[in-house]
Amino acid sequence: MYPLKRLSRISKGFTLLESLIAMVVLSFAIAVIFYAFNASMRLFTNELSESDASFQAHKAVEMMSGELRGAIEIESASTASITFWYADLNDNGIREANETATYTWTGTIEGFINRIIQASSQEIATGIKGFALTYNDPTPSNIRLIKIFVTVQKDSTLSTLESSVKCRNL
């Protein structure tokens, strides 16, 4: 018969020490991945807030600028609101209620800017922390240049936008 050979010990699994080392390395890798994910989500959220604040400010200023640029007559003007004849829709030369627009700020932090036409109110921008209108002349009939200042806050992000509007039809 064949002589008995001494069989060498064959490893059939991990030792306890190898398992512990693998768990530590895996835990470290998971912690690094979680930290990177958390940091990127924080950055994404901040960028989203900044983008939203900037969008709200631009939306308000662009809408107001467009209508004020073509205003036919300014009825009243203050630092927080302006009322004006924005278009002669039926070309009759007479100002009617549906042709007069008012832009006004609620005056509260995190408030909004309203566009009002014929008692119908539309929010054009939200999260408004500050809003101011300045004019080249305090008398509404003499106003030719309007400066618009809008500050929007979303979370901890502030976005401020300033624009000047020269009224062409006044």
C-alpha atoms as a PDB file:
ATOM      1  CA  MET A   1       0.000   0.000   0.000  1.00  0.00           C
ATOM      2  CA  TYR A   2       0.851   3.523  -0.145  1.00  0.00           C
ATOM      3  CA  PRO A   3       2.662   5.167   2.674  1.00  0.00           C
ATOM      4  CA  LEU A   4       0.628   7.677   4.626  1.00  0.00           C
ATOM      5  CA  LYS A   5       1.585  11.170   3.811  1.00  0.00           C
ATOM      6  CA  ARG A   6       1.257  13.856   6.313  1.00  0.00           C
ATOM      7  CA  LEU A   7      -1.356  16.276   5.056  1.00  0.00           C
ATOM      8  CA  SER A   8      -0.550  19.931   5.427  1.00  0.00           C
ATOM      9  CA  ARG A   9      -3.063  22.109   7.107  1.00  0.00           C
ATOM     10  CA  ILE A  10      -5.243  23.839   4.498  1.00  0.00           C
ATOM     11  CA  SER A  11      -6.946  27.051   5.542  1.00  0.00           C
ATOM     12  CA  LYS A  12     -10.670  26.900   4.922  1.00  0.00           C
ATOM     13  CA  GLY A  13     -11.663  30.391   6.148  1.00  0.00           C
ATOM     14  CA  PHE A  14     -10.552  33.648   7.701  1.00  0.00           C
ATOM     15  CA  THR A  15      -9.059  33.866  11.107  1.00  0.00           C
ATOM     16  CA  LEU A  16     -10.607  36.114  13.698  1.00  0.00           C
ATOM     17  CA  LEU A  17      -7.759  38.617  13.310  1.00  0.00           C
ATOM     18  CA  GLU A  18      -8.213  38.790   9.524  1.00  0.00           C
ATOM     19  CA  SER A  19     -11.944  39.339   9.926  1.00  0.00           C
ATOM     20  CA  LEU A  20     -11.399  42.169  12.433  1.00  0.00           C
ATOM     21  CA  ILE A  21      -8.874  43.887  10.153  1.00  0.00           C
ATOM     22  CA  ALA A  22     -11.269  43.633   7.197  1.00  0.00           C
ATOM     23  CA  MET A  23     -14.100  45.097   9.280  1.00  0.00           C
ATOM     24  CA  VAL A  24     -11.930  48.027  10.410  1.00  0.00           C
ATOM     25  CA  VAL A  25     -10.836  48.788   6.835  1.00  0.00           C
ATOM     26  CA  LEU A  26     -14.402  48.483   5.566  1.00  0.00           C
ATOM     27  CA  SER A  27     -15.710  50.730   8.372  1.00  0.00           C
ATOM     28  CA  PHE A  28     -13.076  53.342   7.564  1.00  0.00           C
ATOM     29  CA  ALA A  29     -13.993  53.226   3.848  1.00  0.00           C
ATOM     30  CA  ILE A  30     -17.711  53.597   4.655  1.00  0.00           C
ATOM     31  CA  ALA A  31     -16.986  56.536   6.976  1.00  0.00           C
ATOM     32  CA  VAL A  32     -14.969  58.307   4.256  1.00  0.00           C
ATOM     33  CA  ILE A  33     -17.717  57.710   1.669  1.00  0.00           C
ATOM     34  CA  PHE A  34     -20.407  58.950   4.080  1.00  0.00           C
ATOM     35  CA  TYR A  35     -18.394  62.082   4.917  1.00  0.00           C
ATOM     36  CA  ALA A  36     -17.862  62.846   1.196  1.00  0.00           C
ATOM     37  CA  PHE A  37     -21.558  62.267   0.452  1.00  0.00           C
ATOM     38  CA  ASN A  38     -22.639  64.456   3.362  1.00  0.00           C
ATOM     39  CA  ALA A  39     -20.279  67.271   2.301  1.00  0.00           C
ATOM     40  CA  SER A  40     -21.484  67.121  -1.305  1.00  0.00           C
ATOM     41  CA  MET A  41     -25.147  67.215  -0.209  1.00  0.00           C
ATOM     42  CA  ARG A  42     -24.450  70.247   1.982  1.00  0.00           C
ATOM     43  CA  LEU A  43     -22.734  71.971  -0.939  1.00  0.00           C
ATOM     44  CA  PHE A  44     -25.604  71.058  -3.287  1.00  0.00           C
ATOM     45  CA  THR A  45     -28.192  72.421  -0.830  1.00  0.00           C
ATOM     46  CA  ASN A  46     -26.275  75.696  -0.448  1.00  0.00           C
ATOM     47  CA  GLU A  47     -25.926  76.064  -4.216  1.00  0.00           C
ATOM     48  CA  LEU A  48     -29.627  75.339  -4.654  1.00  0.00           C
ATOM     49  CA  SER A  49     -30.538  78.033  -2.091  1.00  0.00           C
ATOM     50  CA  GLU A  50     -28.218  80.512  -3.780  1.00  0.00           C
ATOM     51  CA  SER A  51     -29.662  79.707  -7.176  1.00  0.00           C
ATOM     52  CA  ASP A  52     -33.240  80.053  -5.931  1.00  0.00           C
ATOM     53  CA  ALA A  53     -32.500  83.384  -4.227  1.00  0.00           C
ATOM     54  CA  SER A  54     -30.841  84.717  -7.370  1.00  0.00           C
ATOM     55  CA  PHE A  55     -33.733  83.467  -9.524  1.00  0.00           C
ATOM     56  CA  GLN A  56     -36.357  85.157  -7.320  1.00  0.00           C
ATOM     57  CA  ALA A  57     -34.458  88.472  -7.406  1.00  0.00           C
ATOM     58  CA  HIS A  58     -33.987  88.352 -11.182  1.00  0.00           C
ATOM     59  CA  LYS A  59     -37.607  87.383 -11.775  1.00  0.00           C
ATOM     60  CA  ALA A  60     -38.869  90.371  -9.776  1.00  0.00           C
ATOM     61  CA  VAL A  61     -36.489  92.903 -11.283  1.00  0.00           C
ATOM     62  CA  GLU A  62     -36.963  91.724 -14.882  1.00  0.00           C
ATOM     63  CA  MET A  63     -40.744  91.812 -14.711  1.00  0.00           C
ATOM     64  CA  MET A  64     -40.820  95.232 -13.049  1.00  0.00           C
ATOM     65  CA  SER A  65     -38.166  96.673 -15.368  1.00  0.00           C
ATOM     66  CA  GLY A  66     -39.973  95.577 -18.493  1.00  0.00           C
ATOM     67  CA  GLU A  67     -43.278  97.131 -17.511  1.00  0.00           C
ATOM     68  CA  LEU A  68     -41.782 100.289 -16.002  1.00  0.00           C
ATOM     69  CA  ARG A  69     -39.661 100.874 -19.100  1.00  0.00           C
ATOM     70  CA  GLY A  70     -42.830 101.127 -21.179  1.00  0.00           C
ATOM     71  CA  ALA A  71     -44.940 102.983 -18.578  1.00  0.00           C
ATOM     72  CA  ILE A  72     -47.221 105.666 -19.988  1.00  0.00           C
ATOM     73  CA  GLU A  73     -47.900 107.528 -16.738  1.00  0.00           C
ATOM     74  CA  ILE A  74     -46.881 107.096 -13.104  1.00  0.00           C
ATOM     75  CA  GLU A  75     -49.788 107.553 -10.727  1.00  0.00           C
ATOM     76  CA  SER A  76     -48.060 107.166  -7.350  1.00  0.00           C
ATOM     77  CA  ALA A  77     -44.601 106.243  -6.143  1.00  0.00           C
ATOM     78  CA  SER A  78     -43.099 105.413  -2.755  1.00  0.00           C
ATOM     79  CA  THR A  79     -40.050 103.470  -1.589  1.00  0.00           C
ATOM     80  CA  ALA A  80     -42.048 100.224  -1.247  1.00  0.00           C
ATOM     81  CA  SER A  81     -44.597 100.504  -4.086  1.00  0.00           C
ATOM     82  CA  ILE A  82     -45.341 102.089  -7.421  1.00  0.00           C
ATOM     83  CA  THR A  83     -48.596 102.405  -9.380  1.00  0.00           C
ATOM     84  CA  PHE A  84     -48.496 103.223 -13.083  1.00  0.00           C
ATOM     85  CA  TRP A  85     -50.340 103.015 -16.380  1.00  0.00           C
ATOM     86  CA  TYR A  86     -48.363 100.260 -18.058  1.00  0.00           C
ATOM     87  CA  ALA A  87     -50.163  99.899 -21.417  1.00  0.00           C
ATOM     88  CA  ASP A  88     -53.074 101.266 -23.434  1.00  0.00           C
ATOM     89  CA  LEU A  89     -54.502  97.852 -24.280  1.00  0.00           C
ATOM     90  CA  ASN A  90     -57.401  99.054 -26.433  1.00  0.00           C
ATOM     91  CA  ASP A  91     -55.621 102.123 -27.903  1.00  0.00           C
ATOM     92  CA  ASN A  92     -58.271 104.587 -26.758  1.00  0.00           C
ATOM     93  CA  GLY A  93     -55.890 106.940 -24.907  1.00  0.00           C
ATOM     94  CA  ILE A  94     -57.848 106.564 -21.654  1.00  0.00           C
ATOM     95  CA  ARG A  95     -56.388 104.854 -18.606  1.00  0.00           C
ATOM     96  CA  GLU A  96     -58.627 102.018 -17.451  1.00  0.00           C
ATOM     97  CA  ALA A  97     -58.453  99.792 -14.380  1.00  0.00           C
ATOM     98  CA  ASN A  98     -57.080  96.797 -16.269  1.00  0.00           C
ATOM     99  CA  GLU A  99     -54.267  98.959 -17.674  1.00  0.00           C
ATOM    100  CA  THR A 100     -52.915 100.120 -14.305  1.00  0.00           C
ATOM    101  CA  ALA A 101     -50.375  98.006 -12.431  1.00  0.00           C
ATOM    102  CA  THR A 102     -49.080  98.275  -8.881  1.00  0.00           C
ATOM    103  CA  TYR A 103     -45.929  96.640  -7.589  1.00  0.00           C
ATOM    104  CA  THR A 104     -45.728  96.457  -3.832  1.00  0.00           C
ATOM    105  CA  TRP A 105     -43.701  94.656  -1.174  1.00  0.00           C
ATOM    106  CA  THR A 106     -45.438  93.154   1.871  1.00  0.00           C
ATOM    107  CA  GLY A 107     -42.830  94.862   4.043  1.00  0.00           C
ATOM    108  CA  THR A 108     -42.009  91.769   6.068  1.00  0.00           C
ATOM    109  CA  ILE A 109     -38.826  89.729   6.102  1.00  0.00           C
ATOM    110  CA  GLU A 110     -39.377  86.606   3.998  1.00  0.00           C
ATOM    111  CA  GLY A 111     -42.229  88.514   2.368  1.00  0.00           C
ATOM    112  CA  PHE A 112     -43.087  88.777  -1.290  1.00  0.00           C
ATOM    113  CA  ILE A 113     -43.548  91.313  -4.068  1.00  0.00           C
ATOM    114  CA  ASN A 114     -47.064  91.584  -5.476  1.00  0.00           C
ATOM    115  CA  ARG A 115     -48.164  92.727  -8.907  1.00  0.00           C
ATOM    116  CA  ILE A 116     -51.738  94.024  -8.659  1.00  0.00           C
ATOM    117  CA  ILE A 117     -53.988  94.687 -11.636  1.00  0.00           C
ATOM    118  CA  GLN A 118     -57.692  95.402 -11.115  1.00  0.00           C
ATOM    119  CA  ALA A 119     -57.719  93.970  -7.556  1.00  0.00           C
ATOM    120  CA  SER A 120     -56.126  90.760  -8.825  1.00  0.00           C
ATOM    121  CA  SER A 121     -52.901  90.078  -6.971  1.00  0.00           C
ATOM    122  CA  GLN A 122     -50.030  87.942  -8.245  1.00  0.00           C
ATOM    123  CA  GLU A 123     -46.898  87.071  -6.251  1.00  0.00           C
ATOM    124  CA  ILE A 124     -43.937  87.615  -8.549  1.00  0.00           C
ATOM    125  CA  ALA A 125     -41.142  86.869  -6.072  1.00  0.00           C
ATOM    126  CA  THR A 126     -40.919  85.258  -2.637  1.00  0.00           C
ATOM    127  CA  GLY A 127     -38.386  85.333   0.176  1.00  0.00           C
ATOM    128  CA  ILE A 128     -37.915  89.086  -0.161  1.00  0.00           C
ATOM    129  CA  LYS A 129     -35.866  90.444   2.735  1.00  0.00           C
ATOM    130  CA  GLY A 130     -35.522  93.957   1.383  1.00  0.00           C
ATOM    131  CA  PHE A 131     -37.062  96.032  -1.375  1.00  0.00           C
ATOM    132  CA  ALA A 132     -36.646  99.674  -2.268  1.00  0.00           C
ATOM    133  CA  LEU A 133     -37.529 101.957  -5.133  1.00  0.00           C
ATOM    134  CA  THR A 134     -35.763 105.277  -5.599  1.00  0.00           C
ATOM    135  CA  TYR A 135     -36.598 107.954  -8.135  1.00  0.00           C
ATOM    136  CA  ASN A 136     -34.857 110.871  -9.817  1.00  0.00           C
ATOM    137  CA  ASP A 137     -37.700 113.151  -8.658  1.00  0.00           C
ATOM    138  CA  PRO A 138     -40.235 112.799  -5.820  1.00  0.00           C
ATOM    139  CA  THR A 139     -43.140 114.029  -7.970  1.00  0.00           C
ATOM    140  CA  PRO A 140     -44.728 111.109  -9.888  1.00  0.00           C
ATOM    141  CA  SER A 141     -45.290 113.172 -13.058  1.00  0.00           C
ATOM    142  CA  ASN A 142     -41.581 114.096 -13.185  1.00  0.00           C
ATOM    143  CA  ILE A 143     -40.144 110.617 -12.656  1.00  0.00           C
ATOM    144  CA  ARG A 144     -37.944 109.456 -15.530  1.00  0.00           C
ATOM    145  CA  LEU A 145     -35.449 107.148 -13.803  1.00  0.00           C
ATOM    146  CA  ILE A 146     -36.316 104.418 -11.282  1.00  0.00           C
ATOM    147  CA  LYS A 147     -33.802 102.359  -9.328  1.00  0.00           C
ATOM    148  CA  ILE A 148     -34.934  98.982  -8.032  1.00  0.00           C
ATOM    149  CA  PHE A 149     -33.200  97.235  -5.124  1.00  0.00           C
ATOM    150  CA  VAL A 150     -34.217  93.678  -4.212  1.00  0.00           C
ATOM    151  CA  THR A 151     -32.670  91.447  -1.540  1.00  0.00           C
ATOM    152  CA  VAL A 152     -33.817  87.834  -1.348  1.00  0.00           C
ATOM    153  CA  GLN A 153     -33.009  85.379   1.423  1.00  0.00           C
ATOM    154  CA  LYS A 154     -33.270  81.605   1.029  1.00  0.00           C
ATOM    155  CA  ASP A 155     -32.062  79.691   4.085  1.00  0.00           C
ATOM    156  CA  SER A 156     -28.839  81.512   5.013  1.00  0.00           C
ATOM    157  CA  THR A 157     -28.104  82.739   1.473  1.00  0.00           C
ATOM    158  CA  LEU A 158     -28.649  86.370   0.498  1.00  0.00           C
ATOM    159  CA  SER A 159     -28.893  87.599  -3.065  1.00  0.00           C
ATOM    160  CA  THR A 160     -29.100  91.311  -3.812  1.00  0.00           C
ATOM    161  CA  LEU A 161     -29.913  92.755  -7.188  1.00  0.00           C
ATOM    162  CA  GLU A 162     -30.019  96.369  -8.286  1.00  0.00           C
ATOM    163  CA  SER A 163     -31.282  97.762 -11.563  1.00  0.00           C
ATOM    164  CA  SER A 164     -31.997 101.149 -13.095  1.00  0.00           C
ATOM    165  CA  VAL A 165     -34.957 101.681 -15.383  1.00  0.00           C
ATOM    166  CA  LYS A 166     -35.299 104.643 -17.705  1.00  0.00           C
ATOM    167  CA  CYS A 167     -38.959 105.149 -18.603  1.00  0.00           C
ATOM    168  CA  ARG A 168     -39.170 105.629 -22.375  1.00  0.00           C
ATOM    169  CA  ASN A 169     -42.773 106.785 -22.748  1.00  0.00           C
ATOM    170  CA  LEU A 170     -42.971 109.451 -20.038  1.00  0.00           C
END
